[in-house]
C-alpha atoms as a PDB file:
ATOM      1  CA  MET A   1       0.000   0.000   0.000  1.00  0.00           C
ATOM      2  CA  ILE A   2       1.405   3.396  -1.032  1.00  0.00           C
ATOM      3  CA  ARG A   3       0.129   6.664   0.518  1.00  0.00           C
ATOM      4  CA  PHE A   4       0.160  10.110  -1.135  1.00  0.00           C
ATOM      5  CA  GLY A   5      -1.369  12.493   1.377  1.00  0.00           C
ATOM      6  CA  ASP A   6      -4.941  11.318   1.895  1.00  0.00           C
ATOM      7  CA  ILE A   7      -4.962   9.006  -1.115  1.00  0.00           C
ATOM      8  CA  LYS A   8      -4.252   5.329  -0.574  1.00  0.00           C
ATOM      9  CA  ILE A   9      -2.917   3.491  -3.569  1.00  0.00           C
ATOM     10  CA  SER A  10      -2.893  -0.278  -3.423  1.00  0.00           C
ATOM     11  CA  GLU A  11      -0.915  -2.595  -5.602  1.00  0.00           C
ATOM     12  CA  LYS A  12      -2.526  -5.520  -7.348  1.00  0.00           C
ATOM     13  CA  ALA A  13      -1.062  -9.002  -7.127  1.00  0.00           C
ATOM     14  CA  GLY A  14       1.024  -8.520 -10.281  1.00  0.00           C
ATOM     15  CA  GLY A  15       2.613  -5.314  -8.985  1.00  0.00           C
ATOM     16  CA  ASP A  16       0.414  -3.116 -11.188  1.00  0.00           C
ATOM     17  CA  ILE A  17      -0.373   0.229  -9.583  1.00  0.00           C
ATOM     18  CA  THR A  18      -3.997   1.348  -9.621  1.00  0.00           C
ATOM     19  CA  TRP A  19      -5.671   3.987 -11.704  1.00  0.00           C
ATOM     20  CA  GLU A  20      -5.492   6.650  -8.958  1.00  0.00           C
ATOM     21  CA  LEU A  21      -1.712   6.868  -9.185  1.00  0.00           C
ATOM     22  CA  ARG A  22      -1.855   7.092 -12.964  1.00  0.00           C
ATOM     23  CA  LYS A  23      -4.225  10.058 -12.732  1.00  0.00           C
ATOM     24  CA  LEU A  24      -1.950  11.832 -10.265  1.00  0.00           C
ATOM     25  CA  VAL A  25       1.167  11.143 -12.324  1.00  0.00           C
ATOM     26  CA  SER A  26      -0.589  12.478 -15.411  1.00  0.00           C
ATOM     27  CA  LEU A  27      -1.710  15.614 -13.590  1.00  0.00           C
ATOM     28  CA  TYR A  28       1.685  16.441 -12.083  1.00  0.00           C
ATOM     29  CA  SER A  29       3.755  15.481 -15.116  1.00  0.00           C
ATOM     30  CA  GLY A  30       1.504  17.695 -17.230  1.00  0.00           C
ATOM     31  CA  LEU A  31       2.128  20.591 -14.841  1.00  0.00           C
ATOM     32  CA  LEU A  32       5.878  19.961 -15.003  1.00  0.00           C
ATOM     33  CA  MET A  33       5.764  19.838 -18.804  1.00  0.00           C
ATOM     34  CA  ILE A  34       3.848  23.140 -18.906  1.00  0.00           C
ATOM     35  CA  ASP A  35       6.440  24.670 -16.573  1.00  0.00           C
ATOM     36  CA  LEU A  36       9.219  23.373 -18.823  1.00  0.00           C
ATOM     37  CA  ALA A  37       7.449  24.772 -21.878  1.00  0.00           C
ATOM     38  CA  PHE A  38       7.109  28.153 -20.198  1.00  0.00           C
ATOM     39  CA  TRP A  39      10.807  28.113 -19.270  1.00  0.00           C
ATOM     40  CA  VAL A  40      11.766  27.187 -22.855  1.00  0.00           C
ATOM     41  CA  ASP A  41       9.438  29.903 -24.115  1.00  0.00           C
ATOM     42  CA  ILE A  42      11.122  32.532 -21.929  1.00  0.00           C
ATOM     43  CA  ARG A  43      14.637  31.346 -22.842  1.00  0.00           C
ATOM     44  CA  SER A  44      14.044  31.256 -26.593  1.00  0.00           C
ATOM     45  CA  ARG A  45      11.804  34.308 -26.887  1.00  0.00           C
ATOM     46  CA  HIS A  46      13.944  35.885 -29.606  1.00  0.00           C
ATOM     47  CA  LYS A  47      14.168  32.697 -31.676  1.00  0.00           C
ATOM     48  CA  ALA A  48      11.699  30.205 -33.072  1.00  0.00           C
ATOM     49  CA  ASP A  49       8.787  28.731 -31.112  1.00  0.00           C
ATOM     50  CA  HIS A  50      10.559  25.789 -29.483  1.00  0.00           C
ATOM     51  CA  ALA A  51       7.940  25.309 -26.769  1.00  0.00           C
ATOM     52  CA  PHE A  52       4.992  24.607 -29.079  1.00  0.00           C
ATOM     53  CA  TRP A  53       4.894  20.815 -28.673  1.00  0.00           C
ATOM     54  CA  LEU A  54       5.757  20.984 -24.981  1.00  0.00           C
ATOM     55  CA  TYR A  55       2.717  23.183 -24.396  1.00  0.00           C
ATOM     56  CA  ILE A  56       0.464  20.864 -26.392  1.00  0.00           C
ATOM     57  CA  PHE A  57       1.537  17.646 -24.677  1.00  0.00           C
ATOM     58  CA  GLY A  58       1.725  19.330 -21.269  1.00  0.00           C
ATOM     59  CA  VAL A  59      -1.806  20.710 -21.496  1.00  0.00           C
ATOM     60  CA  ILE A  60      -3.196  17.430 -22.842  1.00  0.00           C
ATOM     61  CA  THR A  61      -1.523  15.487 -20.041  1.00  0.00           C
ATOM     62  CA  PHE A  62      -2.525  17.952 -17.315  1.00  0.00           C
ATOM     63  CA  TRP A  63      -6.101  18.324 -18.504  1.00  0.00           C
ATOM     64  CA  GLY A  64      -6.506  14.576 -18.966  1.00  0.00           C
ATOM     65  CA  GLY A  65      -5.291  13.937 -15.430  1.00  0.00           C
ATOM     66  CA  LEU A  66      -7.454  16.742 -14.070  1.00  0.00           C
ATOM     67  CA  SER A  67     -10.573  15.589 -15.899  1.00  0.00           C
ATOM     68  CA  SER A  68     -10.165  11.993 -14.791  1.00  0.00           C
ATOM     69  CA  GLN A  69     -10.001  12.876 -11.081  1.00  0.00           C
ATOM     70  CA  SER A  70     -12.974  11.624  -9.119  1.00  0.00           C
ATOM     71  CA  SER A  71     -15.229  14.456  -8.010  1.00  0.00           C
ATOM     72  CA  ASP A  72     -17.954  13.349  -5.674  1.00  0.00           C
ATOM     73  CA  ASP A  73     -19.061  16.734  -4.363  1.00  0.00           C
ATOM     74  CA  GLU A  74     -20.179  19.983  -5.945  1.00  0.00           C
ATOM     75  CA  LEU A  75     -17.237  21.970  -4.590  1.00  0.00           C
ATOM     76  CA  SER A  76     -14.660  19.836  -6.395  1.00  0.00           C
ATOM     77  CA  ASN A  77     -16.699  20.088  -9.614  1.00  0.00           C
ATOM     78  CA  PHE A  78     -16.812  23.869  -9.250  1.00  0.00           C
ATOM     79  CA  ILE A  79     -13.051  23.978  -8.617  1.00  0.00           C
ATOM     80  CA  TYR A  80     -12.602  21.938 -11.807  1.00  0.00           C
ATOM     81  CA  PHE A  81     -14.683  24.556 -13.641  1.00  0.00           C
ATOM     82  CA  CYS A  82     -12.594  27.383 -12.152  1.00  0.00           C
ATOM     83  CA  VAL A  83      -9.344  25.669 -13.196  1.00  0.00           C
ATOM     84  CA  ASN A  84     -10.704  25.416 -16.736  1.00  0.00           C
ATOM     85  CA  LEU A  85     -11.632  29.112 -16.701  1.00  0.00           C
ATOM     86  CA  LEU A  86      -8.122  29.860 -15.456  1.00  0.00           C
ATOM     87  CA  MET A  87      -6.729  27.851 -18.360  1.00  0.00           C
ATOM     88  CA  ILE A  88      -8.749  30.001 -20.761  1.00  0.00           C
ATOM     89  CA  GLY A  89      -7.314  33.137 -19.141  1.00  0.00           C
ATOM     90  CA  VAL A  90      -3.746  31.803 -19.283  1.00  0.00           C
ATOM     91  CA  GLY A  91      -4.255  30.891 -22.926  1.00  0.00           C
ATOM     92  CA  ALA A  92      -5.462  34.394 -23.730  1.00  0.00           C
ATOM     93  CA  LEU A  93      -2.559  35.936 -21.826  1.00  0.00           C
ATOM     94  CA  LEU A  94       0.175  33.725 -23.288  1.00  0.00           C
ATOM     95  CA  ILE A  95      -1.422  33.629 -26.744  1.00  0.00           C
ATOM     96  CA  ARG A  96      -1.530  29.825 -26.641  1.00  0.00           C
ATOM     97  CA  ARG A  97      -4.713  28.397 -28.124  1.00  0.00           C
ATOM     98  CA  VAL A  98      -4.225  24.947 -26.612  1.00  0.00           C
ATOM     99  CA  PHE A  99      -5.038  26.321 -23.142  1.00  0.00           C
ATOM    100  CA  VAL A 100      -8.176  28.014 -24.456  1.00  0.00           C
ATOM    101  CA  VAL A 101      -9.395  24.926 -26.327  1.00  0.00           C
ATOM    102  CA  PHE A 102      -9.002  22.524 -23.412  1.00  0.00           C
ATOM    103  CA  GLY A 103     -10.292  25.072 -20.905  1.00  0.00           C
ATOM    104  CA  ALA A 104     -13.387  25.537 -23.063  1.00  0.00           C
ATOM    105  CA  LEU A 105     -13.886  21.761 -23.326  1.00  0.00           C
ATOM    106  CA  GLY A 106     -13.732  21.409 -19.552  1.00  0.00           C
ATOM    107  CA  SER A 107     -16.037  24.373 -18.995  1.00  0.00           C
ATOM    108  CA  CYS A 108     -18.590  22.988 -21.438  1.00  0.00           C
ATOM    109  CA  GLY A 109     -18.340  19.612 -19.724  1.00  0.00           C
ATOM    110  CA  TYR A 110     -19.102  21.221 -16.367  1.00  0.00           C
ATOM    111  CA  LEU A 111     -22.045  23.174 -17.776  1.00  0.00           C
ATOM    112  CA  GLY A 112     -23.334  19.976 -19.370  1.00  0.00           C
ATOM    113  CA  TYR A 113     -23.041  18.218 -16.018  1.00  0.00           C
ATOM    114  CA  LEU A 114     -25.042  21.020 -14.400  1.00  0.00           C
ATOM    115  CA  ALA A 115     -27.684  20.908 -17.118  1.00  0.00           C
ATOM    116  CA  PHE A 116     -28.209  17.140 -17.210  1.00  0.00           C
ATOM    117  CA  ASP A 117     -27.484  16.036 -13.645  1.00  0.00           C
ATOM    118  CA  VAL A 118     -27.957  18.873 -11.173  1.00  0.00           C
ATOM    119  CA  PHE A 119     -30.682  21.010 -12.789  1.00  0.00           C
ATOM    120  CA  SER A 120     -32.360  18.406 -15.008  1.00  0.00           C
ATOM    121  CA  ASP A 121     -35.932  19.378 -14.062  1.00  0.00           C
ATOM    122  CA  SER A 122     -35.419  23.099 -13.579  1.00  0.00           C
ATOM    123  CA  TRP A 123     -36.831  25.731 -15.931  1.00  0.00           C
ATOM    124  CA  LEU A 124     -34.744  28.474 -14.377  1.00  0.00           C
ATOM    125  CA  PHE A 125     -31.394  26.929 -15.342  1.00  0.00           C
ATOM    126  CA  PRO A 126     -31.834  27.167 -19.149  1.00  0.00           C
ATOM    127  CA  MET A 127     -32.873  30.808 -18.798  1.00  0.00           C
ATOM    128  CA  THR A 128     -29.892  31.515 -16.545  1.00  0.00           C
ATOM    129  CA  LEU A 129     -27.579  29.715 -18.946  1.00  0.00           C
ATOM    130  CA  THR A 130     -28.982  31.778 -21.813  1.00  0.00           C
ATOM    131  CA  ALA A 131     -28.352  34.984 -19.858  1.00  0.00           C
ATOM    132  CA  ILE A 132     -24.802  33.837 -19.130  1.00  0.00           C
ATOM    133  CA  GLY A 133     -24.356  33.113 -22.846  1.00  0.00           C
ATOM    134  CA  PHE A 134     -25.496  36.621 -23.746  1.00  0.00           C
ATOM    135  CA  CYS A 135     -23.081  38.027 -21.149  1.00  0.00           C
ATOM    136  CA  VAL A 136     -20.227  36.006 -22.647  1.00  0.00           C
ATOM    137  CA  VAL A 137     -21.073  37.299 -26.131  1.00  0.00           C
ATOM    138  CA  TYR A 138     -21.239  40.868 -24.803  1.00  0.00           C
ATOM    139  CA  LEU A 139     -17.890  40.461 -23.013  1.00  0.00           C
ATOM    140  CA  GLY A 140     -16.426  39.100 -26.251  1.00  0.00           C
ATOM    141  CA  ILE A 141     -17.605  42.193 -28.098  1.00  0.00           C
ATOM    142  CA  LEU A 142     -16.137  44.441 -25.388  1.00  0.00           C
ATOM    143  CA  TRP A 143     -12.882  42.459 -25.496  1.00  0.00           C
ATOM    144  CA  GLN A 144     -12.643  42.884 -29.244  1.00  0.00           C
ATOM    145  CA  LYS A 145     -13.373  46.602 -28.986  1.00  0.00           C
ATOM    146  CA  TYR A 146     -10.912  47.364 -26.163  1.00  0.00           C
ATOM    147  CA  GLU A 147      -8.383  44.572 -26.691  1.00  0.00           C
ATOM    148  CA  GLN A 148      -5.384  46.851 -27.180  1.00  0.00           C
ATOM    149  CA  ALA A 149      -6.013  48.849 -24.003  1.00  0.00           C
ATOM    150  CA  ILE A 150      -6.748  45.753 -21.909  1.00  0.00           C
ATOM    151  CA  THR A 151      -3.652  44.003 -23.243  1.00  0.00           C
ATOM    152  CA  GLN A 152      -1.370  46.940 -22.579  1.00  0.00           C
ATOM    153  CA  LYS A 153      -2.628  47.431 -19.019  1.00  0.00           C
ATOM    154  CA  SER A 154      -2.471  43.739 -18.157  1.00  0.00           C
ATOM    155  CA  ARG A 155       1.040  43.359 -19.582  1.00  0.00           C
ATOM    156  CA  LEU A 156       2.342  46.130 -17.335  1.00  0.00           C
ATOM    157  CA  LEU A 157       1.722  43.785 -14.410  1.00  0.00           C
ATOM    158  CA  LEU A 158       3.895  41.017 -15.891  1.00  0.00           C
ATOM    159  CA  PRO A 159       7.646  40.476 -15.455  1.00  0.00           C
ATOM    160  CA  VAL A 160       9.945  42.010 -18.079  1.00  0.00           C
ATOM    161  CA  GLN A 161      10.951  38.684 -19.679  1.00  0.00           C
ATOM    162  CA  LEU A 162       7.342  37.639 -20.113  1.00  0.00           C
ATOM    163  CA  ARG A 163       6.476  41.043 -21.583  1.00  0.00           C
ATOM    164  CA  GLU A 164       9.346  40.674 -24.084  1.00  0.00           C
ATOM    165  CA  LEU A 165       8.129  37.191 -24.973  1.00  0.00           C
ATOM    166  CA  LEU A 166       4.602  38.392 -25.637  1.00  0.00           C
ATOM    167  CA  GLU A 167       5.831  41.379 -27.659  1.00  0.00           C
ATOM    168  CA  ALA A 168       8.031  39.078 -29.761  1.00  0.00           C
ATOM    169  CA  GLU A 169       5.025  36.869 -30.554  1.00  0.00           C
ATOM    170  CA  ARG A 170       3.059  39.704 -32.102  1.00  0.00           C
END
């Protein structure tokens, strides 16, 4: 029996480690690969895009491990949704579409879970979801209209190397 914090991982008779460890390894190795990609991105900001594949495989590995985690309560599902929204924000900030795509997939999965499992017999949820959709469209229009100003103000908060990286990508 192997213990990682509160998670007990048992070995089968053949020495095969259970699915729980595989999910954790996927999650943490994906995070490490994203960190490595970011480091490569910072180091090679004046050259070609050497971190492209690292970002793709890191995000796929991280998101796969995150999505396969067991979530028995509503709080963990909501945290999953927030992590996916954070991925969308990181993707918009770093100009990396892979974060946005997988963050959107996870967010849609959470909204689908809410629609079909939690609020299956509610008439208020579809109306609320429609209002949220209109708000997202409106925010998209505002983003498109004021993108330059928002980008300039948000980049002033970033470290110099990251600012140089983002300016080089334009």
